[in-house]
Amino acid sequence: MTYHTITKAMIGLSLAGSALTVEAVPWCHRGHIVSIMDVTWDGATVTSHAPPVSSVIPGVVSVDFYRASHASWDYASAFAGGGGWGNVGNKGQVRVRTYAPYSFTNMINSYSLSQGLKFIIDKCYATPIYQAVSSKLDLPDIVVPLPGAEEVARYRYSEEAYQEILRERGQGNVRSLK
């Protein structure tokens, strides 16, 4: 090979590499992240949701950490889907933010399933799911979800308040999922 052939090949490879450059965007970019649930599990609940020890891949440093992580993710994935309309990457997807116990979040000492787990489930919506509803002037007195996102309201309001919201919207009495 000659010097010019090698130079042309190097220039071609560098141009091809620059064309394939991809920029990373944050999760739920241009969407709306809503915390849909704050979950607290005791040790028995974590153990009941955790996958069996036989499913842990070889080489995992903390088997209990692995099992608890998968338990929380599997639970949260049941709430995935939907997310409204619009061109937003990751819409309808969920993520888990674990905040307790300290041994789980910071890997200090060793985590045990018997310590329990506390985490928040966030969901990505392409459209804002809340709208203000006012009965006097233009001052909002309560915030209710848009149609199609009622399941979120069931976690935020008492059953009586939720039924009152539905009556004001003309939807009558709807059976609760609780």
Protein backbone atom coordinates (compact mmCIF):
# COMPACT_ATOMS: atom_id res chain seq x y z
CA MET A 1 0.00 0.00 0.00
CA THR A 2 1.13 3.47 -0.74
CA TYR A 3 1.07 6.46 1.51
CA HIS A 4 -1.80 8.09 -0.45
CA THR A 5 -3.94 4.95 -0.29
CA ILE A 6 -3.50 4.74 3.46
CA THR A 7 -4.26 8.47 3.83
CA LYS A 8 -7.44 8.17 1.74
CA ALA A 9 -8.53 5.15 3.78
CA MET A 10 -7.94 7.02 7.04
CA ILE A 11 -9.91 10.06 5.83
CA GLY A 12 -12.76 7.80 4.66
CA LEU A 13 -12.90 6.01 8.02
CA SER A 14 -12.89 9.27 9.97
CA LEU A 15 -15.74 10.68 7.84
CA ALA A 16 -17.76 7.50 8.25
CA GLY A 17 -17.19 7.60 12.00
CA SER A 18 -18.34 11.22 12.25
CA ALA A 19 -21.52 10.40 10.32
CA LEU A 20 -22.39 7.70 12.86
CA THR A 21 -22.06 10.00 15.87
CA VAL A 22 -25.16 9.84 18.05
CA GLU A 23 -26.01 12.27 20.81
CA ALA A 24 -27.56 10.94 23.99
CA VAL A 25 -30.75 12.47 25.35
CA PRO A 26 -32.12 12.09 28.87
CA TRP A 27 -34.88 9.65 29.70
CA CYS A 28 -38.33 10.99 28.73
CA HIS A 29 -36.81 13.88 26.74
CA ARG A 30 -39.54 16.45 25.87
CA GLY A 31 -42.05 14.41 27.88
CA HIS A 32 -43.54 14.68 31.36
CA ILE A 33 -42.26 12.51 34.20
CA VAL A 34 -44.90 11.69 36.78
CA SER A 35 -44.26 9.82 40.02
CA ILE A 36 -47.17 7.40 39.93
CA MET A 37 -46.45 5.40 43.07
CA ASP A 38 -44.36 5.34 46.24
CA VAL A 39 -43.86 1.70 47.24
CA THR A 40 -42.75 0.36 50.63
CA TRP A 41 -42.08 -3.36 50.95
CA ASP A 42 -41.10 -5.23 54.08
CA GLY A 43 -38.66 -8.14 53.89
CA ALA A 44 -41.36 -10.77 53.28
CA THR A 45 -42.84 -8.77 50.39
CA VAL A 46 -39.46 -8.28 48.74
CA THR A 47 -38.77 -12.00 49.06
CA SER A 48 -42.14 -12.91 47.56
CA HIS A 49 -41.56 -10.62 44.54
CA ALA A 50 -37.90 -11.55 44.07
CA PRO A 51 -36.88 -14.01 41.36
CA PRO A 52 -35.49 -17.36 42.53
CA VAL A 53 -31.83 -17.63 43.46
CA SER A 54 -31.32 -20.06 40.56
CA SER A 55 -32.06 -17.21 38.08
CA VAL A 56 -29.16 -15.06 39.32
CA ILE A 57 -26.39 -14.94 36.74
CA PRO A 58 -22.94 -16.18 37.79
CA GLY A 59 -20.50 -13.56 39.03
CA VAL A 60 -23.04 -11.30 40.73
CA VAL A 61 -21.45 -9.72 43.81
CA SER A 62 -24.64 -9.36 45.87
CA VAL A 63 -27.35 -11.92 45.15
CA ASP A 64 -29.90 -10.15 47.37
CA PHE A 65 -29.24 -6.79 45.69
CA TYR A 66 -29.72 -8.42 42.27
CA ARG A 67 -32.95 -10.12 43.33
CA ALA A 68 -34.39 -6.96 44.95
CA SER A 69 -33.52 -4.85 41.89
CA HIS A 70 -35.29 -7.28 39.59
CA ALA A 71 -38.29 -7.53 41.93
CA SER A 72 -38.81 -3.75 41.94
CA TRP A 73 -38.32 -3.50 38.18
CA ASP A 74 -40.70 -6.39 37.45
CA TYR A 75 -43.34 -4.79 39.68
CA ALA A 76 -42.95 -1.38 38.02
CA SER A 77 -43.08 -2.83 34.51
CA ALA A 78 -46.72 -3.80 35.13
CA PHE A 79 -47.52 -0.05 34.93
CA ALA A 80 -45.72 0.47 31.60
CA GLY A 81 -47.62 1.27 28.43
CA GLY A 82 -49.75 4.08 27.12
CA GLY A 83 -48.16 7.43 27.79
CA GLY A 84 -50.33 9.56 25.52
CA TRP A 85 -49.80 10.66 21.97
CA GLY A 86 -46.88 12.58 20.58
CA ASN A 87 -43.33 12.04 19.44
CA VAL A 88 -41.55 11.47 22.74
CA GLY A 89 -38.96 8.78 23.17
CA ASN A 90 -39.62 6.39 26.07
CA LYS A 91 -43.28 7.42 26.44
CA GLY A 92 -45.19 4.92 28.50
CA GLN A 93 -42.02 3.52 30.02
CA VAL A 94 -41.41 3.40 33.75
CA ARG A 95 -38.33 3.71 35.90
CA VAL A 96 -37.61 2.79 39.50
CA ARG A 97 -35.90 5.16 41.96
CA THR A 98 -34.92 3.27 45.10
CA TYR A 99 -34.34 5.45 48.16
CA ALA A 100 -34.12 3.04 51.11
CA PRO A 101 -32.54 1.18 52.85
CA TYR A 102 -29.14 2.84 52.93
CA SER A 103 -27.31 -0.45 52.44
CA PHE A 104 -29.17 -0.91 49.13
CA THR A 105 -28.75 2.60 47.74
CA ASN A 106 -25.09 3.04 48.66
CA MET A 107 -23.83 -0.56 48.71
CA ILE A 108 -22.47 -0.03 52.22
CA ASN A 109 -21.97 -3.33 54.06
CA SER A 110 -24.26 -5.90 52.53
CA TYR A 111 -27.92 -5.64 51.65
CA SER A 112 -30.31 -8.37 52.77
CA LEU A 113 -33.83 -8.96 51.45
CA SER A 114 -35.08 -8.93 55.05
CA GLN A 115 -34.31 -5.18 55.22
CA GLY A 116 -37.19 -4.41 52.87
CA LEU A 117 -37.18 -1.87 50.04
CA LYS A 118 -38.61 1.59 49.36
CA PHE A 119 -38.85 2.95 45.84
CA ILE A 120 -40.73 5.40 43.66
CA ILE A 121 -42.11 4.47 40.24
CA ASP A 122 -41.89 7.23 37.62
CA LYS A 123 -43.73 7.09 34.31
CA CYS A 124 -43.04 9.04 31.12
CA TYR A 125 -46.04 10.70 29.49
CA ALA A 126 -45.87 12.39 26.09
CA THR A 127 -48.63 14.83 27.02
CA PRO A 128 -49.35 16.61 30.30
CA ILE A 129 -51.83 14.47 32.20
CA TYR A 130 -53.31 17.12 34.50
CA GLN A 131 -55.63 19.97 33.70
CA ALA A 132 -57.09 22.60 35.99
CA VAL A 133 -60.85 22.49 36.60
CA SER A 134 -62.54 25.55 38.03
CA SER A 135 -66.05 26.00 39.36
CA LYS A 136 -65.64 29.68 40.37
CA LEU A 137 -64.17 32.37 38.17
CA ASP A 138 -60.93 31.20 36.56
CA LEU A 139 -59.27 30.01 39.74
CA PRO A 140 -58.57 26.28 39.76
CA ASP A 141 -59.82 24.57 42.90
CA ILE A 142 -58.76 21.05 42.06
CA VAL A 143 -56.45 19.37 39.60
CA VAL A 144 -57.84 16.29 37.88
CA PRO A 145 -56.34 13.97 35.29
CA LEU A 146 -57.23 14.12 31.64
CA PRO A 147 -59.49 11.34 30.39
CA GLY A 148 -57.50 8.14 30.01
CA ALA A 149 -55.21 8.80 32.97
CA GLU A 150 -57.71 8.18 35.78
CA GLU A 151 -55.64 5.42 37.37
CA VAL A 152 -53.15 8.03 38.57
CA ALA A 153 -55.91 9.94 40.40
CA ARG A 154 -56.80 6.82 42.34
CA TYR A 155 -53.43 7.06 44.09
CA ARG A 156 -53.70 10.79 44.75
CA TYR A 157 -57.27 11.27 46.01
CA SER A 158 -59.59 9.60 48.48
CA GLU A 159 -62.39 7.52 46.99
CA GLU A 160 -65.01 10.19 47.87
CA ALA A 161 -63.01 13.00 46.25
CA TYR A 162 -62.40 10.88 43.16
CA GLN A 163 -66.13 10.07 42.78
CA GLU A 164 -66.95 13.79 43.17
CA ILE A 165 -64.50 14.64 40.37
CA LEU A 166 -66.16 12.08 38.11
CA ARG A 167 -69.66 13.42 38.94
CA GLU A 168 -68.56 16.97 38.06
CA ARG A 169 -67.33 15.66 34.70
CA GLY A 170 -70.65 13.91 34.11
CA GLN A 171 -69.21 10.40 34.24
CA GLY A 172 -71.39 9.24 37.14
CA ASN A 173 -70.36 6.66 39.68
CA VAL A 174 -67.46 4.53 38.48
CA ARG A 175 -66.25 1.44 40.34
CA SER A 176 -62.88 1.92 42.02
CA LEU A 177 -59.88 -0.32 41.37
CA LYS A 178 -58.87 -0.19 45.05
